[in-house]
Amino acid sequence: MRDPKSERMEFLQGTLEMLVLRTLLFGPKHGYAIAQFIRQMSNDVLSAEAGSLYPALQRLELQKLITAKWEMSDNNRRVRHYRLTAAGRAKLSSSMSRWDEFVRAIGNVLNPAESQE
């Protein structure tokens, strides 16, 4: 059986931000919940570690793609909830389009016979 931790992949530049925006499309979440969602949805292949996740959240907030607000969690702890803004939705849409184009281009190079059919 494979060890998912040993097979985790690094994020390409800008990919983490796109995944954070996509995660927040489903509703507000705190940082740990964002990391868990990404890990779970990727079947433990992707891991958004705190050292990269929180700087990404700060960058997105500075760009006004997300907002953040301190709130009390279910277990009475202060957590910072992040929400997607209208600008964040627009950025997510363009990022996903560029990502789809990138994936097709890589596929064409890796499988040239399939791309010429």
PDB file of N, CA and C in Angstrom:
ATOM      1  N   MET A   1       0.842  -1.183   0.000  1.00  0.00           N
ATOM      2  CA  MET A   1       0.000   0.000   0.000  1.00  0.00           C
ATOM      3  C   MET A   1       0.888   1.248   0.000  1.00  0.00           C
ATOM      4  N   ARG A   2       0.502   2.228  -0.792  1.00  0.00           N
ATOM      5  CA  ARG A   2       1.323   3.438  -0.902  1.00  0.00           C
ATOM      6  C   ARG A   2       1.169   4.323   0.333  1.00  0.00           C
ATOM      7  N   ASP A   3       2.226   5.036   0.640  1.00  0.00           N
ATOM      8  CA  ASP A   3       2.201   5.995   1.735  1.00  0.00           C
ATOM      9  C   ASP A   3       1.862   7.357   1.138  1.00  0.00           C
ATOM     10  N   PRO A   4       0.627   7.875   1.350  1.00  0.00           N
ATOM     11  CA  PRO A   4       0.224   9.137   0.732  1.00  0.00           C
ATOM     12  C   PRO A   4       1.146  10.304   1.081  1.00  0.00           C
ATOM     13  N   LYS A   5       1.694  10.322   2.285  1.00  0.00           N
ATOM     14  CA  LYS A   5       2.557  11.430   2.686  1.00  0.00           C
ATOM     15  C   LYS A   5       3.831  11.479   1.851  1.00  0.00           C
ATOM     16  N   SER A   6       4.353  10.317   1.483  1.00  0.00           N
ATOM     17  CA  SER A   6       5.594  10.297   0.713  1.00  0.00           C
ATOM     18  C   SER A   6       5.361  10.671  -0.750  1.00  0.00           C
ATOM     19  N   GLU A   7       4.117  10.646  -1.195  1.00  0.00           N
ATOM     20  CA  GLU A   7       3.813  10.941  -2.589  1.00  0.00           C
ATOM     21  C   GLU A   7       3.157  12.300  -2.766  1.00  0.00           C
ATOM     22  N   ARG A   8       3.114  13.124  -1.734  1.00  0.00           N
ATOM     23  CA  ARG A   8       2.515  14.453  -1.866  1.00  0.00           C
ATOM     24  C   ARG A   8       3.316  15.286  -2.841  1.00  0.00           C
ATOM     25  N   MET A   9       2.610  16.161  -3.540  1.00  0.00           N
ATOM     26  CA  MET A   9       3.244  16.972  -4.567  1.00  0.00           C
ATOM     27  C   MET A   9       3.380  18.415  -4.115  1.00  0.00           C
ATOM     28  N   GLU A  10       4.365  19.087  -4.679  1.00  0.00           N
ATOM     29  CA  GLU A  10       4.546  20.507  -4.427  1.00  0.00           C
ATOM     30  C   GLU A  10       3.567  21.290  -5.300  1.00  0.00           C
ATOM     31  N   PHE A  11       3.166  22.467  -4.829  1.00  0.00           N
ATOM     32  CA  PHE A  11       2.284  23.317  -5.607  1.00  0.00           C
ATOM     33  C   PHE A  11       3.079  24.101  -6.638  1.00  0.00           C
ATOM     34  N   LEU A  12       2.550  24.207  -7.852  1.00  0.00           N
ATOM     35  CA  LEU A  12       3.117  25.117  -8.827  1.00  0.00           C
ATOM     36  C   LEU A  12       2.761  26.530  -8.398  1.00  0.00           C
ATOM     37  N   GLN A  13       3.556  27.506  -8.802  1.00  0.00           N
ATOM     38  CA  GLN A  13       3.298  28.886  -8.402  1.00  0.00           C
ATOM     39  C   GLN A  13       1.882  29.301  -8.810  1.00  0.00           C
ATOM     40  N   GLY A  14       1.145  29.850  -7.872  1.00  0.00           N
ATOM     41  CA  GLY A  14      -0.213  30.315  -8.122  1.00  0.00           C
ATOM     42  C   GLY A  14      -1.284  29.257  -7.934  1.00  0.00           C
ATOM     43  N   THR A  15      -0.886  27.997  -7.874  1.00  0.00           N
ATOM     44  CA  THR A  15      -1.866  26.918  -7.758  1.00  0.00           C
ATOM     45  C   THR A  15      -2.543  26.910  -6.394  1.00  0.00           C
ATOM     46  N   LEU A  16      -1.782  27.124  -5.339  1.00  0.00           N
ATOM     47  CA  LEU A  16      -2.358  27.122  -4.002  1.00  0.00           C
ATOM     48  C   LEU A  16      -3.428  28.201  -3.886  1.00  0.00           C
ATOM     49  N   GLU A  17      -3.143  29.395  -4.396  1.00  0.00           N
ATOM     50  CA  GLU A  17      -4.121  30.477  -4.333  1.00  0.00           C
ATOM     51  C   GLU A  17      -5.403  30.089  -5.056  1.00  0.00           C
ATOM     52  N   MET A  18      -5.268  29.453  -6.232  1.00  0.00           N
ATOM     53  CA  MET A  18      -6.445  29.023  -6.980  1.00  0.00           C
ATOM     54  C   MET A  18      -7.245  27.988  -6.180  1.00  0.00           C
ATOM     55  N   LEU A  19      -6.561  27.062  -5.540  1.00  0.00           N
ATOM     56  CA  LEU A  19      -7.254  26.039  -4.748  1.00  0.00           C
ATOM     57  C   LEU A  19      -7.937  26.644  -3.530  1.00  0.00           C
ATOM     58  N   VAL A  20      -7.323  27.648  -2.916  1.00  0.00           N
ATOM     59  CA  VAL A  20      -7.941  28.340  -1.781  1.00  0.00           C
ATOM     60  C   VAL A  20      -9.209  29.040  -2.249  1.00  0.00           C
ATOM     61  N   LEU A  21      -9.132  29.752  -3.366  1.00  0.00           N
ATOM     62  CA  LEU A  21     -10.315  30.443  -3.883  1.00  0.00           C
ATOM     63  C   LEU A  21     -11.418  29.442  -4.200  1.00  0.00           C
ATOM     64  N   ARG A  22     -11.063  28.330  -4.805  1.00  0.00           N
ATOM     65  CA  ARG A  22     -12.056  27.291  -5.139  1.00  0.00           C
ATOM     66  C   ARG A  22     -12.683  26.729  -3.868  1.00  0.00           C
ATOM     67  N   THR A  23     -11.884  26.508  -2.860  1.00  0.00           N
ATOM     68  CA  THR A  23     -12.398  25.992  -1.585  1.00  0.00           C
ATOM     69  C   THR A  23     -13.396  26.962  -0.974  1.00  0.00           C
ATOM     70  N   LEU A  24     -13.080  28.253  -1.032  1.00  0.00           N
ATOM     71  CA  LEU A  24     -13.956  29.264  -0.426  1.00  0.00           C
ATOM     72  C   LEU A  24     -15.222  29.506  -1.252  1.00  0.00           C
ATOM     73  N   LEU A  25     -15.259  29.011  -2.474  1.00  0.00           N
ATOM     74  CA  LEU A  25     -16.475  29.102  -3.282  1.00  0.00           C
ATOM     75  C   LEU A  25     -17.624  28.358  -2.599  1.00  0.00           C
ATOM     76  N   PHE A  26     -17.296  27.358  -1.792  1.00  0.00           N
ATOM     77  CA  PHE A  26     -18.305  26.563  -1.080  1.00  0.00           C
ATOM     78  C   PHE A  26     -18.766  27.224   0.210  1.00  0.00           C
ATOM     79  N   GLY A  27     -18.146  28.334   0.584  1.00  0.00           N
ATOM     80  CA  GLY A  27     -18.538  29.042   1.792  1.00  0.00           C
ATOM     81  C   GLY A  27     -17.332  29.381   2.647  1.00  0.00           C
ATOM     82  N   PRO A  28     -17.540  30.238   3.664  1.00  0.00           N
ATOM     83  CA  PRO A  28     -16.432  30.680   4.530  1.00  0.00           C
ATOM     84  C   PRO A  28     -15.804  29.506   5.272  1.00  0.00           C
ATOM     85  N   LYS A  29     -14.498  29.600   5.447  1.00  0.00           N
ATOM     86  CA  LYS A  29     -13.772  28.571   6.188  1.00  0.00           C
ATOM     87  C   LYS A  29     -12.590  29.215   6.896  1.00  0.00           C
ATOM     88  N   HIS A  30     -12.153  28.598   7.983  1.00  0.00           N
ATOM     89  CA  HIS A  30     -10.927  29.035   8.639  1.00  0.00           C
ATOM     90  C   HIS A  30      -9.765  28.279   7.998  1.00  0.00           C
ATOM     91  N   GLY A  31      -8.548  28.718   8.276  1.00  0.00           N
ATOM     92  CA  GLY A  31      -7.364  28.179   7.619  1.00  0.00           C
ATOM     93  C   GLY A  31      -7.225  26.668   7.708  1.00  0.00           C
ATOM     94  N   TYR A  32      -7.427  26.121   8.898  1.00  0.00           N
ATOM     95  CA  TYR A  32      -7.279  24.674   9.057  1.00  0.00           C
ATOM     96  C   TYR A  32      -8.302  23.927   8.206  1.00  0.00           C
ATOM     97  N   ALA A  33      -9.532  24.439   8.141  1.00  0.00           N
ATOM     98  CA  ALA A  33     -10.578  23.797   7.333  1.00  0.00           C
ATOM     99  C   ALA A  33     -10.236  23.861   5.846  1.00  0.00           C
ATOM    100  N   ILE A  34      -9.610  24.952   5.418  1.00  0.00           N
ATOM    101  CA  ILE A  34      -9.175  25.070   4.025  1.00  0.00           C
ATOM    102  C   ILE A  34      -8.128  24.002   3.724  1.00  0.00           C
ATOM    103  N   ALA A  35      -7.147  23.877   4.603  1.00  0.00           N
ATOM    104  CA  ALA A  35      -6.089  22.878   4.422  1.00  0.00           C
ATOM    105  C   ALA A  35      -6.670  21.467   4.396  1.00  0.00           C
ATOM    106  N   GLN A  36      -7.596  21.183   5.292  1.00  0.00           N
ATOM    107  CA  GLN A  36      -8.222  19.861   5.350  1.00  0.00           C
ATOM    108  C   GLN A  36      -9.008  19.563   4.081  1.00  0.00           C
ATOM    109  N   PHE A  37      -9.748  20.549   3.580  1.00  0.00           N
ATOM    110  CA  PHE A  37     -10.543  20.367   2.371  1.00  0.00           C
ATOM    111  C   PHE A  37      -9.631  20.022   1.188  1.00  0.00           C
ATOM    112  N   ILE A  38      -8.550  20.773   1.031  1.00  0.00           N
ATOM    113  CA  ILE A  38      -7.621  20.519  -0.067  1.00  0.00           C
ATOM    114  C   ILE A  38      -7.018  19.118   0.055  1.00  0.00           C
ATOM    115  N   ARG A  39      -6.620  18.755   1.252  1.00  0.00           N
ATOM    116  CA  ARG A  39      -6.042  17.422   1.479  1.00  0.00           C
ATOM    117  C   ARG A  39      -7.050  16.327   1.156  1.00  0.00           C
ATOM    118  N   GLN A  40      -8.266  16.472   1.666  1.00  0.00           N
ATOM    119  CA  GLN A  40      -9.288  15.451   1.458  1.00  0.00           C
ATOM    120  C   GLN A  40      -9.699  15.338  -0.007  1.00  0.00           C
ATOM    121  N   MET A  41      -9.914  16.461  -0.665  1.00  0.00           N
ATOM    122  CA  MET A  41     -10.356  16.439  -2.057  1.00  0.00           C
ATOM    123  C   MET A  41      -9.272  15.917  -2.999  1.00  0.00           C
ATOM    124  N   SER A  42      -8.020  16.017  -2.591  1.00  0.00           N
ATOM    125  CA  SER A  42      -6.924  15.514  -3.425  1.00  0.00           C
ATOM    126  C   SER A  42      -6.524  14.092  -3.033  1.00  0.00           C
ATOM    127  N   ASN A  43      -7.318  13.456  -2.199  1.00  0.00           N
ATOM    128  CA  ASN A  43      -7.008  12.098  -1.720  1.00  0.00           C
ATOM    129  C   ASN A  43      -5.618  12.025  -1.089  1.00  0.00           C
ATOM    130  N   ASP A  44      -5.313  13.010  -0.260  1.00  0.00           N
ATOM    131  CA  ASP A  44      -4.052  13.077   0.484  1.00  0.00           C
ATOM    132  C   ASP A  44      -2.818  13.293  -0.388  1.00  0.00           C
ATOM    133  N   VAL A  45      -2.983  13.726  -1.626  1.00  0.00           N
ATOM    134  CA  VAL A  45      -1.831  13.988  -2.480  1.00  0.00           C
ATOM    135  C   VAL A  45      -1.313  15.403  -2.250  1.00  0.00           C
ATOM    136  N   LEU A  46      -2.214  16.361  -2.057  1.00  0.00           N
ATOM    137  CA  LEU A  46      -1.831  17.752  -1.845  1.00  0.00           C
ATOM    138  C   LEU A  46      -1.974  18.112  -0.375  1.00  0.00           C
ATOM    139  N   SER A  47      -0.986  18.814   0.129  1.00  0.00           N
ATOM    140  CA  SER A  47      -1.020  19.243   1.518  1.00  0.00           C
ATOM    141  C   SER A  47      -0.666  20.718   1.587  1.00  0.00           C
ATOM    142  N   ALA A  48      -1.613  21.522   2.042  1.00  0.00           N
ATOM    143  CA  ALA A  48      -1.378  22.960   2.206  1.00  0.00           C
ATOM    144  C   ALA A  48      -0.841  23.184   3.618  1.00  0.00           C
ATOM    145  N   GLU A  49       0.460  23.202   3.739  1.00  0.00           N
ATOM    146  CA  GLU A  49       1.101  23.381   5.042  1.00  0.00           C
ATOM    147  C   GLU A  49       0.936  24.825   5.506  1.00  0.00           C
ATOM    148  N   ALA A  50       0.927  25.034   6.807  1.00  0.00           N
ATOM    149  CA  ALA A  50       0.733  26.371   7.379  1.00  0.00           C
ATOM    150  C   ALA A  50       1.736  27.378   6.834  1.00  0.00           C
ATOM    151  N   GLY A  51       2.967  26.958   6.615  1.00  0.00           N
ATOM    152  CA  GLY A  51       4.011  27.855   6.139  1.00  0.00           C
ATOM    153  C   GLY A  51       3.777  28.404   4.744  1.00  0.00           C
ATOM    154  N   SER A  52       2.938  27.745   3.964  1.00  0.00           N
ATOM    155  CA  SER A  52       2.594  28.265   2.640  1.00  0.00           C
ATOM    156  C   SER A  52       1.145  28.742   2.587  1.00  0.00           C
ATOM    157  N   LEU A  53       0.265  28.105   3.365  1.00  0.00           N
ATOM    158  CA  LEU A  53      -1.150  28.472   3.332  1.00  0.00           C
ATOM    159  C   LEU A  53      -1.401  29.877   3.869  1.00  0.00           C
ATOM    160  N   TYR A  54      -0.873  30.188   5.048  1.00  0.00           N
ATOM    161  CA  TYR A  54      -1.194  31.483   5.659  1.00  0.00           C
ATOM    162  C   TYR A  54      -0.595  32.666   4.889  1.00  0.00           C
ATOM    163  N   PRO A  55       0.618  32.558   4.351  1.00  0.00           N
ATOM    164  CA  PRO A  55       1.082  33.642   3.474  1.00  0.00           C
ATOM    165  C   PRO A  55       0.209  33.789   2.223  1.00  0.00           C
ATOM    166  N   ALA A  56      -0.275  32.670   1.684  1.00  0.00           N
ATOM    167  CA  ALA A  56      -1.160  32.734   0.513  1.00  0.00           C
ATOM    168  C   ALA A  56      -2.468  33.435   0.887  1.00  0.00           C
ATOM    169  N   LEU A  57      -3.001  33.124   2.055  1.00  0.00           N
ATOM    170  CA  LEU A  57      -4.223  33.791   2.511  1.00  0.00           C
ATOM    171  C   LEU A  57      -3.992  35.295   2.670  1.00  0.00           C
ATOM    172  N   GLN A  58      -2.838  35.667   3.198  1.00  0.00           N
ATOM    173  CA  GLN A  58      -2.517  37.095   3.346  1.00  0.00           C
ATOM    174  C   GLN A  58      -2.425  37.780   1.984  1.00  0.00           C
ATOM    175  N   ARG A  59      -1.771  37.125   1.023  1.00  0.00           N
ATOM    176  CA  ARG A  59      -1.663  37.704  -0.323  1.00  0.00           C
ATOM    177  C   ARG A  59      -3.045  37.891  -0.945  1.00  0.00           C
ATOM    178  N   LEU A  60      -3.900  36.883  -0.807  1.00  0.00           N
ATOM    179  CA  LEU A  60      -5.249  36.971  -1.371  1.00  0.00           C
ATOM    180  C   LEU A  60      -6.057  38.077  -0.700  1.00  0.00           C
ATOM    181  N   GLU A  61      -5.861  38.247   0.599  1.00  0.00           N
ATOM    182  CA  GLU A  61      -6.570  39.312   1.309  1.00  0.00           C
ATOM    183  C   GLU A  61      -6.062  40.685   0.870  1.00  0.00           C
ATOM    184  N   LEU A  62      -4.760  40.839   0.708  1.00  0.00           N
ATOM    185  CA  LEU A  62      -4.194  42.109   0.251  1.00  0.00           C
ATOM    186  C   LEU A  62      -4.679  42.465  -1.157  1.00  0.00           C
ATOM    187  N   GLN A  63      -4.915  41.453  -1.974  1.00  0.00           N
ATOM    188  CA  GLN A  63      -5.410  41.666  -3.335  1.00  0.00           C
ATOM    189  C   GLN A  63      -6.931  41.848  -3.366  1.00  0.00           C
ATOM    190  N   LYS A  64      -7.560  41.774  -2.182  1.00  0.00           N
ATOM    191  CA  LYS A  64      -9.005  41.921  -2.028  1.00  0.00           C
ATOM    192  C   LYS A  64      -9.788  40.817  -2.759  1.00  0.00           C
ATOM    193  N   LEU A  65      -9.174  39.637  -2.851  1.00  0.00           N
ATOM    194  CA  LEU A  65      -9.833  38.484  -3.449  1.00  0.00           C
ATOM    195  C   LEU A  65     -10.590  37.685  -2.393  1.00  0.00           C
ATOM    196  N   ILE A  66     -10.193  37.883  -1.134  1.00  0.00           N
ATOM    197  CA  ILE A  66     -10.902  37.300   0.009  1.00  0.00           C
ATOM    198  C   ILE A  66     -10.976  38.351   1.109  1.00  0.00           C
ATOM    199  N   THR A  67     -11.895  38.135   2.034  1.00  0.00           N
ATOM    200  CA  THR A  67     -11.949  38.947   3.253  1.00  0.00           C
ATOM    201  C   THR A  67     -11.756  38.004   4.430  1.00  0.00           C
ATOM    202  N   ALA A  68     -11.370  38.569   5.555  1.00  0.00           N
ATOM    203  CA  ALA A  68     -11.154  37.751   6.747  1.00  0.00           C
ATOM    204  C   ALA A  68     -11.780  38.448   7.949  1.00  0.00           C
ATOM    205  N   LYS A  69     -12.307  37.639   8.848  1.00  0.00           N
ATOM    206  CA  LYS A  69     -12.960  38.176  10.037  1.00  0.00           C
ATOM    207  C   LYS A  69     -12.741  37.194  11.187  1.00  0.00           C
ATOM    208  N   TRP A  70     -12.376  37.754  12.342  1.00  0.00           N
ATOM    209  CA  TRP A  70     -12.224  36.914  13.539  1.00  0.00           C
ATOM    210  C   TRP A  70     -13.609  36.564  14.061  1.00  0.00           C
ATOM    211  N   GLU A  71     -13.811  35.279  14.349  1.00  0.00           N
ATOM    212  CA  GLU A  71     -15.083  34.790  14.881  1.00  0.00           C
ATOM    213  C   GLU A  71     -14.804  33.704  15.910  1.00  0.00           C
ATOM    214  N   MET A  72     -15.819  33.339  16.652  1.00  0.00           N
ATOM    215  CA  MET A  72     -15.702  32.241  17.609  1.00  0.00           C
ATOM    216  C   MET A  72     -16.082  30.935  16.921  1.00  0.00           C
ATOM    217  N   SER A  73     -15.273  29.928  17.151  1.00  0.00           N
ATOM    218  CA  SER A  73     -15.543  28.615  16.553  1.00  0.00           C
ATOM    219  C   SER A  73     -16.569  27.868  17.409  1.00  0.00           C
ATOM    220  N   ASP A  74     -16.950  26.694  16.934  1.00  0.00           N
ATOM    221  CA  ASP A  74     -17.899  25.851  17.669  1.00  0.00           C
ATOM    222  C   ASP A  74     -17.367  25.454  19.034  1.00  0.00           C
ATOM    223  N   ASN A  75     -16.039  25.338  19.173  1.00  0.00           N
ATOM    224  CA  ASN A  75     -15.467  24.962  20.469  1.00  0.00           C
ATOM    225  C   ASN A  75     -14.941  26.179  21.238  1.00  0.00           C
ATOM    226  N   ASN A  76     -15.528  27.351  20.947  1.00  0.00           N
ATOM    227  CA  ASN A  76     -15.267  28.586  21.693  1.00  0.00           C
ATOM    228  C   ASN A  76     -13.831  29.098  21.578  1.00  0.00           C
ATOM    229  N   ARG A  77     -13.238  28.939  20.399  1.00  0.00           N
ATOM    230  CA  ARG A  77     -11.906  29.478  20.151  1.00  0.00           C
ATOM    231  C   ARG A  77     -12.013  30.527  19.060  1.00  0.00           C
ATOM    232  N   ARG A  78     -11.179  31.543  19.164  1.00  0.00           N
ATOM    233  CA  ARG A  78     -11.161  32.573  18.111  1.00  0.00           C
ATOM    234  C   ARG A  78     -10.459  32.024  16.880  1.00  0.00           C
ATOM    235  N   VAL A  79     -11.148  32.083  15.749  1.00  0.00           N
ATOM    236  CA  VAL A  79     -10.566  31.651  14.479  1.00  0.00           C
ATOM    237  C   VAL A  79     -10.851  32.717  13.433  1.00  0.00           C
ATOM    238  N   ARG A  80      -9.995  32.768  12.458  1.00  0.00           N
ATOM    239  CA  ARG A  80     -10.157  33.744  11.381  1.00  0.00           C
ATOM    240  C   ARG A  80     -10.837  33.047  10.209  1.00  0.00           C
ATOM    241  N   HIS A  81     -12.065  33.488   9.899  1.00  0.00           N
ATOM    242  CA  HIS A  81     -12.809  32.924   8.785  1.00  0.00           C
ATOM    243  C   HIS A  81     -12.558  33.743   7.528  1.00  0.00           C
ATOM    244  N   TYR A  82     -12.324  33.044   6.434  1.00  0.00           N
ATOM    245  CA  TYR A  82     -12.040  33.680   5.154  1.00  0.00           C
ATOM    246  C   TYR A  82     -13.237  33.500   4.235  1.00  0.00           C
ATOM    247  N   ARG A  83     -13.547  34.572   3.490  1.00  0.00           N
ATOM    248  CA  ARG A  83     -14.672  34.562   2.562  1.00  0.00           C
ATOM    249  C   ARG A  83     -14.207  35.057   1.200  1.00  0.00           C
ATOM    250  N   LEU A  84     -14.797  34.493   0.166  1.00  0.00           N
ATOM    251  CA  LEU A  84     -14.500  34.885  -1.196  1.00  0.00           C
ATOM    252  C   LEU A  84     -15.225  36.186  -1.526  1.00  0.00           C
ATOM    253  N   THR A  85     -14.563  37.099  -2.220  1.00  0.00           N
ATOM    254  CA  THR A  85     -15.193  38.344  -2.664  1.00  0.00           C
ATOM    255  C   THR A  85     -15.609  38.183  -4.127  1.00  0.00           C
ATOM    256  N   ALA A  86     -16.332  39.176  -4.645  1.00  0.00           N
ATOM    257  CA  ALA A  86     -16.708  39.165  -6.065  1.00  0.00           C
ATOM    258  C   ALA A  86     -15.454  39.154  -6.941  1.00  0.00           C
ATOM    259  N   ALA A  87     -14.454  39.936  -6.547  1.00  0.00           N
ATOM    260  CA  ALA A  87     -13.191  39.952  -7.297  1.00  0.00           C
ATOM    261  C   ALA A  87     -12.518  38.575  -7.234  1.00  0.00           C
ATOM    262  N   GLY A  88     -12.646  37.899  -6.099  1.00  0.00           N
ATOM    263  CA  GLY A  88     -12.088  36.560  -5.948  1.00  0.00           C
ATOM    264  C   GLY A  88     -12.781  35.557  -6.849  1.00  0.00           C
ATOM    265  N   ARG A  89     -14.095  35.693  -6.999  1.00  0.00           N
ATOM    266  CA  ARG A  89     -14.839  34.809  -7.906  1.00  0.00           C
ATOM    267  C   ARG A  89     -14.367  35.005  -9.347  1.00  0.00           C
ATOM    268  N   ALA A  90     -14.187  36.263  -9.735  1.00  0.00           N
ATOM    269  CA  ALA A  90     -13.728  36.557 -11.096  1.00  0.00           C
ATOM    270  C   ALA A  90     -12.319  36.007 -11.321  1.00  0.00           C
ATOM    271  N   LYS A  91     -11.438  36.194 -10.332  1.00  0.00           N
ATOM    272  CA  LYS A  91     -10.071  35.688 -10.424  1.00  0.00           C
ATOM    273  C   LYS A  91     -10.070  34.163 -10.507  1.00  0.00           C
ATOM    274  N   LEU A  92     -10.920  33.514  -9.728  1.00  0.00           N
ATOM    275  CA  LEU A  92     -11.019  32.056  -9.757  1.00  0.00           C
ATOM    276  C   LEU A  92     -11.426  31.582 -11.149  1.00  0.00           C
ATOM    277  N   SER A  93     -12.404  32.232 -11.737  1.00  0.00           N
ATOM    278  CA  SER A  93     -12.867  31.848 -13.069  1.00  0.00           C
ATOM    279  C   SER A  93     -11.740  31.953 -14.097  1.00  0.00           C
ATOM    280  N   SER A  94     -11.012  33.062 -14.093  1.00  0.00           N
ATOM    281  CA  SER A  94      -9.915  33.220 -15.055  1.00  0.00           C
ATOM    282  C   SER A  94      -8.776  32.249 -14.752  1.00  0.00           C
ATOM    283  N   SER A  95      -8.491  32.006 -13.475  1.00  0.00           N
ATOM    284  CA  SER A  95      -7.428  31.065 -13.109  1.00  0.00           C
ATOM    285  C   SER A  95      -7.767  29.647 -13.557  1.00  0.00           C
ATOM    286  N   MET A  96      -9.025  29.260 -13.384  1.00  0.00           N
ATOM    287  CA  MET A  96      -9.437  27.915 -13.790  1.00  0.00           C
ATOM    288  C   MET A  96      -9.361  27.762 -15.310  1.00  0.00           C
ATOM    289  N   SER A  97      -9.703  28.804 -16.052  1.00  0.00           N
ATOM    290  CA  SER A  97      -9.602  28.757 -17.519  1.00  0.00           C
ATOM    291  C   SER A  97      -8.145  28.600 -17.945  1.00  0.00           C
ATOM    292  N   ARG A  98      -7.258  29.379 -17.311  1.00  0.00           N
ATOM    293  CA  ARG A  98      -5.834  29.273 -17.635  1.00  0.00           C
ATOM    294  C   ARG A  98      -5.295  27.893 -17.251  1.00  0.00           C
ATOM    295  N   TRP A  99      -5.750  27.371 -16.116  1.00  0.00           N
ATOM    296  CA  TRP A  99      -5.300  26.058 -15.674  1.00  0.00           C
ATOM    297  C   TRP A  99      -5.738  24.986 -16.669  1.00  0.00           C
ATOM    298  N   ASP A 100      -6.986  25.039 -17.133  1.00  0.00           N
ATOM    299  CA  ASP A 100      -7.477  24.070 -18.115  1.00  0.00           C
ATOM    300  C   ASP A 100      -6.644  24.124 -19.397  1.00  0.00           C
ATOM    301  N   GLU A 101      -6.303  25.338 -19.830  1.00  0.00           N
ATOM    302  CA  GLU A 101      -5.475  25.515 -21.025  1.00  0.00           C
ATOM    303  C   GLU A 101      -4.080  24.919 -20.794  1.00  0.00           C
ATOM    304  N   PHE A 102      -3.515  25.150 -19.627  1.00  0.00           N
ATOM    305  CA  PHE A 102      -2.203  24.618 -19.269  1.00  0.00           C
ATOM    306  C   PHE A 102      -2.217  23.092 -19.282  1.00  0.00           C
ATOM    307  N   VAL A 103      -3.244  22.496 -18.689  1.00  0.00           N
ATOM    308  CA  VAL A 103      -3.345  21.029 -18.616  1.00  0.00           C
ATOM    309  C   VAL A 103      -3.464  20.443 -20.024  1.00  0.00           C
ATOM    310  N   ARG A 104      -4.281  21.080 -20.890  1.00  0.00           N
ATOM    311  CA  ARG A 104      -4.408  20.606 -22.274  1.00  0.00           C
ATOM    312  C   ARG A 104      -3.065  20.688 -23.002  1.00  0.00           C
ATOM    313  N   ALA A 105      -2.342  21.793 -22.795  1.00  0.00           N
ATOM    314  CA  ALA A 105      -1.053  21.960 -23.468  1.00  0.00           C
ATOM    315  C   ALA A 105      -0.057  20.892 -23.019  1.00  0.00           C
ATOM    316  N   ILE A 106       0.011  20.638 -21.730  1.00  0.00           N
ATOM    317  CA  ILE A 106       0.905  19.590 -21.215  1.00  0.00           C
ATOM    318  C   ILE A 106       0.491  18.237 -21.791  1.00  0.00           C
ATOM    319  N   GLY A 107      -0.807  17.967 -21.810  1.00  0.00           N
ATOM    320  CA  GLY A 107      -1.307  16.717 -22.386  1.00  0.00           C
ATOM    321  C   GLY A 107      -0.927  16.562 -23.839  1.00  0.00           C
ATOM    322  N   ASN A 108      -0.977  17.660 -24.589  1.00  0.00           N
ATOM    323  CA  ASN A 108      -0.595  17.596 -26.007  1.00  0.00           C
ATOM    324  C   ASN A 108       0.879  17.235 -26.181  1.00  0.00           C
ATOM    325  N   VAL A 109       1.728  17.739 -25.280  1.00  0.00           N
ATOM    326  CA  VAL A 109       3.146  17.422 -25.361  1.00  0.00           C
ATOM    327  C   VAL A 109       3.406  15.993 -24.923  1.00  0.00           C
ATOM    328  N   LEU A 110       2.747  15.555 -23.855  1.00  0.00           N
ATOM    329  CA  LEU A 110       2.971  14.201 -23.350  1.00  0.00           C
ATOM    330  C   LEU A 110       2.368  13.127 -24.253  1.00  0.00           C
ATOM    331  N   ASN A 111       1.280  13.455 -24.908  1.00  0.00           N
ATOM    332  CA  ASN A 111       0.570  12.495 -25.754  1.00  0.00           C
ATOM    333  C   ASN A 111       0.290  13.106 -27.127  1.00  0.00           C
ATOM    334  N   PRO A 112       1.333  13.337 -27.928  1.00  0.00           N
ATOM    335  CA  PRO A 112       1.156  14.039 -29.191  1.00  0.00           C
ATOM    336  C   PRO A 112       0.206  13.328 -30.161  1.00  0.00           C
ATOM    337  N   ALA A 113       0.186  12.020 -30.166  1.00  0.00           N
ATOM    338  CA  ALA A 113      -0.691  11.304 -31.093  1.00  0.00           C
ATOM    339  C   ALA A 113      -2.156  11.586 -30.774  1.00  0.00           C
ATOM    340  N   GLU A 114      -2.505  11.647 -29.501  1.00  0.00           N
ATOM    341  CA  GLU A 114      -3.881  11.910 -29.092  1.00  0.00           C
ATOM    342  C   GLU A 114      -4.303  13.329 -29.451  1.00  0.00           C
ATOM    343  N   SER A 115      -3.394  14.289 -29.391  1.00  0.00           N
ATOM    344  CA  SER A 115      -3.745  15.678 -29.650  1.00  0.00           C
ATOM    345  C   SER A 115      -3.947  15.951 -31.126  1.00  0.00           C
ATOM    346  N   GLN A 116      -3.486  15.045 -32.013  1.00  0.00           N
ATOM    347  CA  GLN A 116      -3.636  15.241 -33.453  1.00  0.00           C
ATOM    348  C   GLN A 116      -4.846  14.512 -34.012  1.00  0.00           C
ATOM    349  N   GLU A 117      -5.577  13.796 -33.188  1.00  0.00           N
ATOM    350  CA  GLU A 117      -6.765  13.052 -33.645  1.00  0.00           C
ATOM    351  C   GLU A 117      -7.931  13.970 -33.852  1.00  0.00           C
TER     352      GLU A 117
END
